[in-house]
N, C-alpha and C. Protein backbone atom coordinates (compact mmCIF):
# COMPACT_ATOMS: atom_id res chain seq x y z
N MET A 1 5.16 -10.72 16.75
CA MET A 1 5.57 -9.14 15.70
C MET A 1 6.99 -9.24 14.65
N ASN A 2 7.17 -9.68 13.80
CA ASN A 2 8.55 -10.22 12.97
C ASN A 2 7.60 -10.31 12.15
N TYR A 3 6.11 -10.92 12.44
CA TYR A 3 5.10 -11.43 10.87
C TYR A 3 5.12 -9.51 10.45
N LYS A 4 4.07 -9.17 11.08
CA LYS A 4 4.03 -7.79 11.13
C LYS A 4 4.60 -6.34 10.03
N ILE A 5 6.07 -7.02 10.27
CA ILE A 5 6.59 -6.37 8.95
C ILE A 5 7.12 -6.81 8.66
N GLU A 6 7.41 -8.08 8.31
CA GLU A 6 7.47 -8.61 6.86
C GLU A 6 6.44 -8.63 5.94
N GLY A 7 4.72 -9.38 6.64
CA GLY A 7 3.55 -9.06 6.22
C GLY A 7 3.11 -7.46 5.73
N ALA A 8 3.50 -6.72 6.01
CA ALA A 8 3.35 -5.48 5.34
C ALA A 8 4.38 -4.44 4.02
N ILE A 9 6.27 -5.45 4.67
CA ILE A 9 7.07 -5.03 3.60
C ILE A 9 6.23 -5.85 1.89
N ARG A 10 5.47 -6.74 2.29
CA ARG A 10 4.98 -7.88 1.73
C ARG A 10 3.98 -7.05 0.81
N ARG A 11 3.11 -7.60 1.45
CA ARG A 11 1.80 -6.20 1.02
C ARG A 11 2.54 -5.25 0.38
N ASN A 12 3.30 -4.06 0.84
CA ASN A 12 3.77 -2.57 0.10
C ASN A 12 4.63 -3.12 -1.16
N ARG A 13 5.50 -4.20 -1.56
CA ARG A 13 6.12 -3.58 -2.46
C ARG A 13 6.28 -2.85 -3.72
N LYS A 14 5.23 -2.85 -3.84
CA LYS A 14 4.60 -2.41 -5.67
C LYS A 14 4.34 -0.13 -4.52
N ASN A 15 4.16 -0.04 -3.33
CA ASN A 15 3.86 0.86 -3.12
C ASN A 15 4.87 1.98 -3.17
N PHE A 16 6.52 0.61 -2.30
CA PHE A 16 7.72 1.31 -1.89
C PHE A 16 8.07 1.97 -3.35
N ILE A 17 7.93 2.18 -4.71
CA ILE A 17 8.51 1.94 -5.84
C ILE A 17 7.73 3.40 -6.07
N ILE A 18 6.21 2.75 -6.10
CA ILE A 18 5.04 4.48 -6.72
C ILE A 18 5.33 5.45 -4.98
N PHE A 19 6.50 4.81 -4.52
CA PHE A 19 5.96 6.65 -3.13
C PHE A 19 7.41 7.39 -4.11
N ALA A 20 8.33 6.09 -3.85
CA ALA A 20 9.77 7.26 -4.18
C ALA A 20 9.34 8.12 -5.62
N ILE A 21 8.48 7.01 -6.79
CA ILE A 21 8.17 7.91 -8.28
C ILE A 21 7.22 8.60 -7.61
N LEU A 22 6.30 8.99 -6.98
CA LEU A 22 5.42 9.99 -6.36
C LEU A 22 6.14 11.30 -5.38
N TRP A 23 6.51 10.35 -4.79
CA TRP A 23 8.29 11.66 -3.34
C TRP A 23 9.56 12.70 -4.73
N ILE A 24 9.38 12.30 -6.02
CA ILE A 24 10.94 13.02 -6.87
C ILE A 24 9.50 13.83 -8.01
N PHE A 25 8.22 13.29 -7.61
CA PHE A 25 7.53 14.65 -8.50
C PHE A 25 7.00 15.75 -7.50
N ILE A 26 6.41 15.62 -6.79
CA ILE A 26 6.53 15.91 -5.63
C ILE A 26 7.86 16.94 -5.59
N ALA A 27 9.14 16.19 -5.46
CA ALA A 27 10.04 17.29 -5.07
C ALA A 27 10.03 18.47 -5.42
N ILE A 28 10.05 17.78 -7.53
CA ILE A 28 10.24 18.95 -8.69
C ILE A 28 9.57 19.56 -9.48
N VAL A 29 7.76 19.22 -9.33
CA VAL A 29 6.80 19.93 -9.86
C VAL A 29 5.96 20.62 -8.65
N PHE A 30 5.97 20.40 -7.67
CA PHE A 30 5.49 21.15 -6.33
C PHE A 30 6.34 22.12 -5.78
N VAL A 31 7.45 21.59 -5.18
CA VAL A 31 8.73 22.10 -3.73
C VAL A 31 9.44 23.10 -4.14
N SER A 32 9.56 22.64 -5.58
CA SER A 32 10.83 24.08 -6.85
C SER A 32 10.12 25.39 -6.44
N PRO A 33 8.69 25.04 -7.31
CA PRO A 33 7.53 25.95 -7.25
C PRO A 33 7.81 26.73 -5.87
N PHE A 34 7.05 26.24 -5.01
CA PHE A 34 6.83 26.51 -4.18
C PHE A 34 8.22 27.53 -3.11
N ALA A 35 9.60 26.51 -2.96
CA ALA A 35 10.85 27.11 -2.48
C ALA A 35 10.59 29.05 -3.20
N TYR A 36 11.06 28.65 -4.71
CA TYR A 36 11.63 29.69 -5.39
C TYR A 36 10.24 30.61 -5.67
N SER A 37 8.64 30.76 -5.01
CA SER A 37 7.93 31.62 -5.11
C SER A 37 8.46 32.47 -3.35
N SER A 38 8.30 31.12 -2.85
CA SER A 38 7.88 31.98 -1.59
C SER A 38 10.06 32.37 -1.70
N HIS A 39 10.61 32.81 -1.97
CA HIS A 39 12.16 33.39 -1.79
C HIS A 39 11.88 34.74 -2.38
N ILE A 40 11.23 35.12 -3.95
CA ILE A 40 10.97 35.77 -4.81
C ILE A 40 9.72 36.37 -4.35
N ALA A 41 9.56 36.29 -2.87
CA ALA A 41 7.52 36.86 -1.68
C ALA A 41 8.41 37.53 -1.08
N GLY A 42 9.20 37.70 -0.68
CA GLY A 42 10.27 37.74 0.19
C GLY A 42 11.26 38.83 0.10
N LEU A 43 11.95 38.63 -1.37
CA LEU A 43 13.09 40.42 -1.18
C LEU A 43 12.74 40.50 -0.88
N ASN A 44 11.28 41.57 -0.45
CA ASN A 44 11.51 43.29 0.18
C ASN A 44 12.14 43.12 1.27
N GLY A 45 11.93 41.86 2.48
CA GLY A 45 11.58 41.71 3.30
C GLY A 45 10.50 41.01 4.76
N LYS A 46 10.11 41.48 3.98
CA LYS A 46 7.89 41.57 4.51
C LYS A 46 7.79 40.40 3.13
N PHE A 47 7.07 39.26 3.45
CA PHE A 47 6.68 37.94 2.81
C PHE A 47 5.45 39.04 1.96
N ASP A 48 5.14 39.05 0.56
CA ASP A 48 3.98 39.39 0.03
C ASP A 48 3.00 38.68 -0.90
N MET A 49 2.39 37.88 -0.72
CA MET A 49 1.62 37.39 -0.93
C MET A 49 1.07 37.43 -2.42
N GLN A 50 0.66 38.59 -2.13
CA GLN A 50 0.15 38.50 -4.35
C GLN A 50 1.07 37.65 -4.97
N VAL A 51 2.79 38.49 -5.00
CA VAL A 51 3.79 38.40 -5.65
C VAL A 51 3.90 36.43 -5.34
N PHE A 52 3.47 36.18 -4.63
CA PHE A 52 3.75 34.54 -3.97
C PHE A 52 3.48 33.93 -4.39
N ILE A 53 1.29 34.37 -5.47
CA ILE A 53 1.32 33.30 -6.28
C ILE A 53 0.94 33.10 -7.65
N GLN A 54 1.69 35.35 -7.62
CA GLN A 54 1.66 35.04 -9.10
C GLN A 54 3.01 34.34 -10.03
N THR A 55 4.04 34.25 -9.04
CA THR A 55 5.07 33.57 -8.52
C THR A 55 4.42 31.89 -9.09
N PHE A 56 3.81 31.70 -7.95
CA PHE A 56 3.64 30.45 -7.46
C PHE A 56 2.90 30.25 -9.09
N ALA A 57 2.43 30.66 -9.78
CA ALA A 57 1.26 30.40 -11.04
C ALA A 57 1.78 30.04 -11.36
N LYS A 58 2.50 30.75 -12.04
CA LYS A 58 3.88 31.02 -13.37
C LYS A 58 4.78 29.96 -13.24
N SER A 59 5.54 29.98 -12.47
CA SER A 59 6.61 28.45 -11.53
C SER A 59 5.89 26.65 -11.55
N ILE A 60 4.66 26.69 -11.55
CA ILE A 60 4.16 25.57 -11.29
C ILE A 60 4.10 25.47 -12.70
N THR A 61 3.68 26.84 -14.39
CA THR A 61 3.66 25.54 -15.63
C THR A 61 4.97 25.09 -16.38
N ASN A 62 5.88 26.26 -14.96
CA ASN A 62 7.37 25.56 -15.79
C ASN A 62 8.52 24.99 -14.95
N PRO A 63 7.97 23.11 -14.05
CA PRO A 63 9.03 23.15 -12.75
C PRO A 63 10.71 23.15 -12.87
N PHE A 64 10.66 22.40 -14.43
CA PHE A 64 12.37 21.69 -14.64
C PHE A 64 12.40 23.66 -14.47
N GLY A 65 12.34 24.46 -16.16
CA GLY A 65 12.90 25.76 -15.42
C GLY A 65 12.73 25.96 -14.21
N THR A 66 12.35 26.02 -13.66
CA THR A 66 11.90 26.37 -11.99
C THR A 66 12.98 26.44 -10.90
N PHE A 67 13.01 24.73 -11.07
CA PHE A 67 13.45 24.02 -10.10
C PHE A 67 15.33 24.12 -11.12
N GLY A 68 15.89 25.02 -12.53
CA GLY A 68 17.29 25.28 -12.43
C GLY A 68 17.81 26.90 -12.41
N ASN A 69 16.31 27.34 -11.83
CA ASN A 69 16.16 28.54 -10.91
C ASN A 69 16.92 28.19 -9.88
N LEU A 70 16.49 27.93 -9.16
CA LEU A 70 17.25 27.35 -7.81
C LEU A 70 18.93 27.32 -7.47
N PHE A 71 19.56 26.70 -8.67
CA PHE A 71 20.14 26.45 -8.31
C PHE A 71 21.40 28.71 -8.94
N THR A 72 20.33 28.36 -9.79
CA THR A 72 21.46 30.06 -10.50
C THR A 72 20.97 30.70 -9.07
N ASP A 73 19.81 30.29 -8.98
CA ASP A 73 19.62 31.72 -8.45
C ASP A 73 20.25 31.76 -6.72
N GLY A 74 20.83 30.62 -6.24
CA GLY A 74 20.83 30.72 -5.67
C GLY A 74 20.66 30.15 -3.37
N ILE A 75 18.87 29.47 -3.80
CA ILE A 75 18.63 29.04 -3.20
C ILE A 75 17.74 27.67 -2.67
N VAL A 76 18.85 27.16 -3.08
CA VAL A 76 19.35 25.71 -2.49
C VAL A 76 18.85 25.55 -1.34
N GLY A 77 19.15 26.60 -0.75
CA GLY A 77 19.05 26.02 0.47
C GLY A 77 17.77 26.27 1.41
N ASP A 78 16.91 27.47 0.60
CA ASP A 78 15.12 27.41 0.76
C ASP A 78 14.77 26.07 0.56
N TYR A 79 15.29 25.86 -1.03
CA TYR A 79 14.54 24.58 -0.83
C TYR A 79 14.55 23.17 -0.28
N ILE A 80 16.26 23.02 0.35
CA ILE A 80 15.82 22.12 0.80
C ILE A 80 15.03 21.90 2.22
N SER A 81 15.57 22.97 2.92
CA SER A 81 14.72 23.60 4.25
C SER A 81 12.83 23.17 3.54
N VAL A 82 12.42 23.36 2.08
CA VAL A 82 10.45 22.91 2.39
C VAL A 82 11.06 21.40 2.37
N LEU A 83 11.66 21.02 0.99
CA LEU A 83 11.94 19.62 0.34
C LEU A 83 11.91 18.59 2.57
N LEU A 84 12.76 19.15 3.08
CA LEU A 84 12.43 18.57 3.93
C LEU A 84 11.28 18.55 5.12
N VAL A 85 11.35 19.99 5.24
CA VAL A 85 10.07 19.23 5.79
C VAL A 85 7.92 18.59 5.14
N THR A 86 8.13 18.64 3.77
CA THR A 86 7.39 17.62 2.81
C THR A 86 7.26 17.04 2.76
N THR A 87 9.01 15.60 3.17
CA THR A 87 9.52 15.16 2.57
C THR A 87 8.93 14.28 4.91
N ILE A 88 9.45 15.30 5.29
CA ILE A 88 8.87 14.11 6.82
C ILE A 88 7.05 13.87 6.67
N VAL A 89 5.93 15.71 6.25
CA VAL A 89 4.84 14.25 5.74
C VAL A 89 4.70 14.29 5.50
N TYR A 90 5.27 13.50 3.46
CA TYR A 90 4.89 12.15 3.80
C TYR A 90 5.13 11.30 3.63
N SER A 91 6.29 10.55 4.31
CA SER A 91 6.50 9.72 5.77
C SER A 91 5.95 9.73 5.95
N LEU A 92 5.01 10.03 6.98
CA LEU A 92 4.35 10.16 8.27
C LEU A 92 2.88 9.18 7.69
N PHE A 93 2.65 9.71 6.78
CA PHE A 93 1.30 9.44 5.70
C PHE A 93 1.90 8.03 4.93
N PHE A 94 2.73 8.52 5.11
CA PHE A 94 3.55 7.25 3.51
C PHE A 94 3.23 5.91 5.58
N PHE A 95 4.05 6.18 6.28
CA PHE A 95 4.36 5.46 7.52
C PHE A 95 3.02 4.90 8.15
N ILE A 96 1.62 5.63 8.30
CA ILE A 96 0.00 5.21 8.98
C ILE A 96 0.46 4.47 7.72
N GLY A 97 0.19 4.63 6.71
CA GLY A 97 -0.49 3.67 5.74
C GLY A 97 0.12 2.69 5.36
N PHE A 98 1.13 1.91 5.97
CA PHE A 98 2.63 1.22 5.63
C PHE A 98 1.57 0.56 7.06
N VAL A 99 1.86 1.18 8.48
CA VAL A 99 1.07 -0.38 9.60
C VAL A 99 0.17 -0.09 8.88
N ARG A 100 -0.20 -0.08 9.05
CA ARG A 100 -2.63 -0.09 8.83
C ARG A 100 -2.30 -0.96 7.73
N THR A 101 -1.74 -1.42 6.67
CA THR A 101 -1.72 -3.20 5.65
C THR A 101 -1.54 -3.95 7.06
N ALA A 102 -0.76 -3.73 7.76
CA ALA A 102 0.40 -4.61 8.87
C ALA A 102 -0.81 -5.81 8.96
N PRO A 103 -0.61 -6.93 8.93
CA PRO A 103 -1.21 -7.91 8.87
C PRO A 103 -2.47 -7.50 10.53
N LYS A 104 -2.86 -8.24 10.69
CA LYS A 104 -3.54 -8.24 12.15
C LYS A 104 -3.44 -9.77 13.20
N ASN A 105 -3.62 -10.60 12.36
CA ASN A 105 -2.51 -11.59 12.90
C ASN A 105 -1.43 -12.33 11.94
N GLU A 106 -1.29 -13.92 12.15
CA GLU A 106 0.14 -14.44 11.95
C GLU A 106 -0.42 -15.21 10.72
N TYR A 107 -2.12 -15.62 10.24
CA TYR A 107 -2.84 -16.29 10.46
C TYR A 107 -3.14 -15.08 8.99
N SER A 108 -3.09 -14.55 8.82
CA SER A 108 -3.65 -13.28 7.94
C SER A 108 -3.72 -13.38 6.69
N ASP A 109 -3.89 -14.06 5.40
CA ASP A 109 -3.66 -13.50 4.15
C ASP A 109 -3.52 -15.46 3.92
N ILE A 110 -3.54 -16.67 4.42
CA ILE A 110 -3.67 -17.85 4.41
C ILE A 110 -4.60 -17.98 5.04
N GLU A 111 -5.34 -19.43 3.68
CA GLU A 111 -6.63 -19.59 3.99
C GLU A 111 -6.93 -21.40 4.94
N HIS A 112 -8.02 -21.17 4.93
CA HIS A 112 -8.05 -21.47 6.47
C HIS A 112 -8.65 -22.18 6.47
N GLY A 113 -8.68 -23.41 5.55
CA GLY A 113 -9.76 -24.96 5.33
C GLY A 113 -10.03 -24.36 3.27
N SER A 114 -9.50 -26.22 2.70
CA SER A 114 -9.79 -26.60 1.38
C SER A 114 -10.56 -27.34 1.93
N SER A 115 -10.17 -28.37 0.57
CA SER A 115 -10.55 -29.51 -0.31
C SER A 115 -8.89 -30.14 -0.06
N ASP A 116 -8.09 -29.34 0.01
CA ASP A 116 -7.05 -28.64 -0.68
C ASP A 116 -5.63 -29.73 0.15
N TRP A 117 -6.09 -30.44 1.63
CA TRP A 117 -6.00 -30.61 2.48
C TRP A 117 -4.72 -31.95 2.87
N SER A 118 -4.61 -32.99 1.48
CA SER A 118 -4.22 -33.66 1.11
C SER A 118 -3.76 -33.91 -0.30
N GLN A 119 -2.59 -35.10 -0.13
CA GLN A 119 -2.51 -34.66 -1.92
C GLN A 119 -2.27 -36.11 -1.87
N ARG A 120 -2.57 -36.56 -3.59
CA ARG A 120 -3.01 -37.76 -4.35
C ARG A 120 -3.54 -38.84 -4.03
N GLY A 121 -4.66 -38.57 -3.52
CA GLY A 121 -5.93 -39.34 -3.41
C GLY A 121 -5.78 -39.93 -1.58
N GLU A 122 -5.86 -39.20 -0.81
CA GLU A 122 -4.81 -39.69 0.45
C GLU A 122 -6.12 -40.01 1.48
N GLN A 123 -6.76 -38.81 0.61
CA GLN A 123 -8.45 -38.40 1.22
C GLN A 123 -9.35 -39.67 1.36
N TYR A 124 -9.21 -40.33 0.06
CA TYR A 124 -9.86 -41.57 0.00
C TYR A 124 -9.79 -42.49 1.11
N GLN A 125 -8.77 -42.27 2.01
CA GLN A 125 -8.67 -43.45 2.76
C GLN A 125 -9.73 -43.40 3.74
N ILE A 126 -10.34 -41.42 4.08
CA ILE A 126 -11.07 -42.12 4.82
C ILE A 126 -12.67 -41.48 3.95
N LEU A 127 -13.01 -40.05 3.76
CA LEU A 127 -13.59 -39.73 2.51
C LEU A 127 -14.31 -40.90 0.76
N SER A 128 -15.18 -40.61 0.68
CA SER A 128 -15.53 -41.13 -0.77
C SER A 128 -15.13 -40.40 -2.84
N LYS A 129 -15.31 -40.97 -2.70
CA LYS A 129 -15.62 -39.53 -4.13
C LYS A 129 -16.61 -39.68 -4.30
N ASN A 130 -17.22 -40.94 -4.06
CA ASN A 130 -19.03 -40.85 -4.50
C ASN A 130 -19.58 -40.49 -4.42
N LYS A 131 -19.77 -40.93 -3.16
CA LYS A 131 -21.62 -40.58 -2.37
C LYS A 131 -21.21 -40.69 -1.34
N GLY A 132 -21.60 -40.13 -0.38
CA GLY A 132 -22.02 -39.84 0.77
C GLY A 132 -22.28 -37.93 1.36
N ILE A 133 -21.86 -37.64 2.33
CA ILE A 133 -22.30 -35.95 2.62
C ILE A 133 -21.37 -35.16 2.55
N ILE A 134 -21.37 -34.09 1.32
CA ILE A 134 -21.46 -33.75 0.04
C ILE A 134 -19.87 -32.31 1.63
N LEU A 135 -19.28 -33.33 1.60
CA LEU A 135 -17.47 -31.52 1.88
C LEU A 135 -17.13 -30.60 1.44
N ALA A 136 -16.47 -31.08 0.03
CA ALA A 136 -16.13 -29.84 -1.13
C ALA A 136 -16.69 -30.94 -2.48
N GLU A 137 -16.48 -30.50 -3.27
CA GLU A 137 -16.25 -30.87 -4.98
C GLU A 137 -15.48 -32.30 -4.19
N ASN A 138 -15.49 -32.70 -5.03
CA ASN A 138 -15.41 -34.08 -5.19
C ASN A 138 -14.56 -35.05 -3.67
N ASN A 139 -15.20 -34.78 -2.28
CA ASN A 139 -15.42 -35.03 -1.49
C ASN A 139 -16.08 -35.84 -0.57
N TYR A 140 -16.15 -36.83 -0.03
CA TYR A 140 -18.03 -37.11 0.15
C TYR A 140 -17.85 -37.07 1.61
N LEU A 141 -18.41 -37.52 2.25
CA LEU A 141 -18.63 -38.52 3.67
C LEU A 141 -18.92 -39.01 3.69
N PRO A 142 -18.14 -40.60 3.88
CA PRO A 142 -19.41 -41.93 3.13
C PRO A 142 -20.34 -42.63 4.92
N VAL A 143 -22.03 -42.35 4.86
CA VAL A 143 -22.89 -42.93 5.68
C VAL A 143 -22.16 -43.67 6.02
N ASP A 144 -21.68 -44.82 5.26
CA ASP A 144 -22.09 -46.29 5.90
C ASP A 144 -20.56 -46.25 6.39
N LYS A 145 -19.30 -45.25 6.78
CA LYS A 145 -18.12 -45.82 7.28
C LYS A 145 -18.31 -46.43 9.48
N ARG A 146 -17.42 -47.01 9.67
CA ARG A 146 -17.37 -46.91 11.00
C ARG A 146 -17.45 -46.19 11.78
N GLY A 147 -17.48 -46.18 12.86
CA GLY A 147 -16.81 -44.86 13.48
C GLY A 147 -17.84 -43.76 13.89
N ASN A 148 -17.71 -42.59 14.35
CA ASN A 148 -17.65 -41.22 14.18
C ASN A 148 -17.39 -40.27 13.30
N VAL A 149 -18.91 -40.71 12.40
CA VAL A 149 -19.70 -39.52 11.77
C VAL A 149 -19.96 -37.92 11.33
N ASN A 150 -20.43 -37.66 12.99
CA ASN A 150 -20.23 -36.24 13.21
C ASN A 150 -19.63 -35.63 12.31
N VAL A 151 -21.00 -34.06 11.07
CA VAL A 151 -20.42 -33.78 10.86
C VAL A 151 -20.66 -32.42 11.13
N LEU A 152 -19.97 -30.55 10.63
CA LEU A 152 -20.42 -29.76 11.24
C LEU A 152 -20.34 -29.00 8.92
N VAL A 153 -21.42 -29.01 9.00
CA VAL A 153 -21.01 -27.87 7.46
C VAL A 153 -21.18 -26.37 7.34
N VAL A 154 -20.37 -25.71 7.65
CA VAL A 154 -20.69 -24.67 7.62
C VAL A 154 -20.36 -23.72 5.77
N GLY A 155 -21.32 -23.06 5.93
CA GLY A 155 -21.96 -22.26 4.43
C GLY A 155 -23.23 -22.26 3.11
N ARG A 156 -23.41 -21.86 2.15
CA ARG A 156 -24.96 -21.77 2.41
C ARG A 156 -24.06 -23.35 0.92
N ILE A 157 -26.03 -23.54 0.63
CA ILE A 157 -26.39 -24.16 0.05
C ILE A 157 -25.83 -23.38 -2.09
N ARG A 158 -26.27 -24.14 -2.84
CA ARG A 158 -26.10 -24.03 -4.04
C ARG A 158 -26.56 -24.53 -4.36
N PHE A 159 -27.47 -24.70 -5.13
CA PHE A 159 -28.19 -25.97 -6.62
C PHE A 159 -28.10 -25.29 -7.74
N ARG A 160 -28.16 -25.89 -8.53
CA ARG A 160 -27.78 -25.64 -9.94
C ARG A 160 -28.90 -26.28 -11.18
């Protein structure tokens, strides 16, 4: 199970930074106008949707001014409660994406075979460099070799 968490963290390193920047953007540009507009719309004791829409449209065009108004009007508590709900929903979506990017098994993102299985010419003790059955680039299975020369070749044939 540990490989899933490590793999998901490895795949999502850049996404964590993007997640944080996007959260700050949403908190300033959308949440602060929403909290300010909902407070202004509910000042009469009853929520007025028309006032909310007008105030929200005005507030979203100047999000930093609205963010400052939250502090000057003393509605930081409303802002924090809206921000908390938004953060929970946003984190839920991020967590779902994080879980979906976790590797399905231990061997995800690991190459399952190549001609790089040996180093410094070791393969030529078994294989041939120039002739025989083609296995990979510059790797041939010699047909004059003693013993078992059975080969299963999986892949497609390319002609140049």
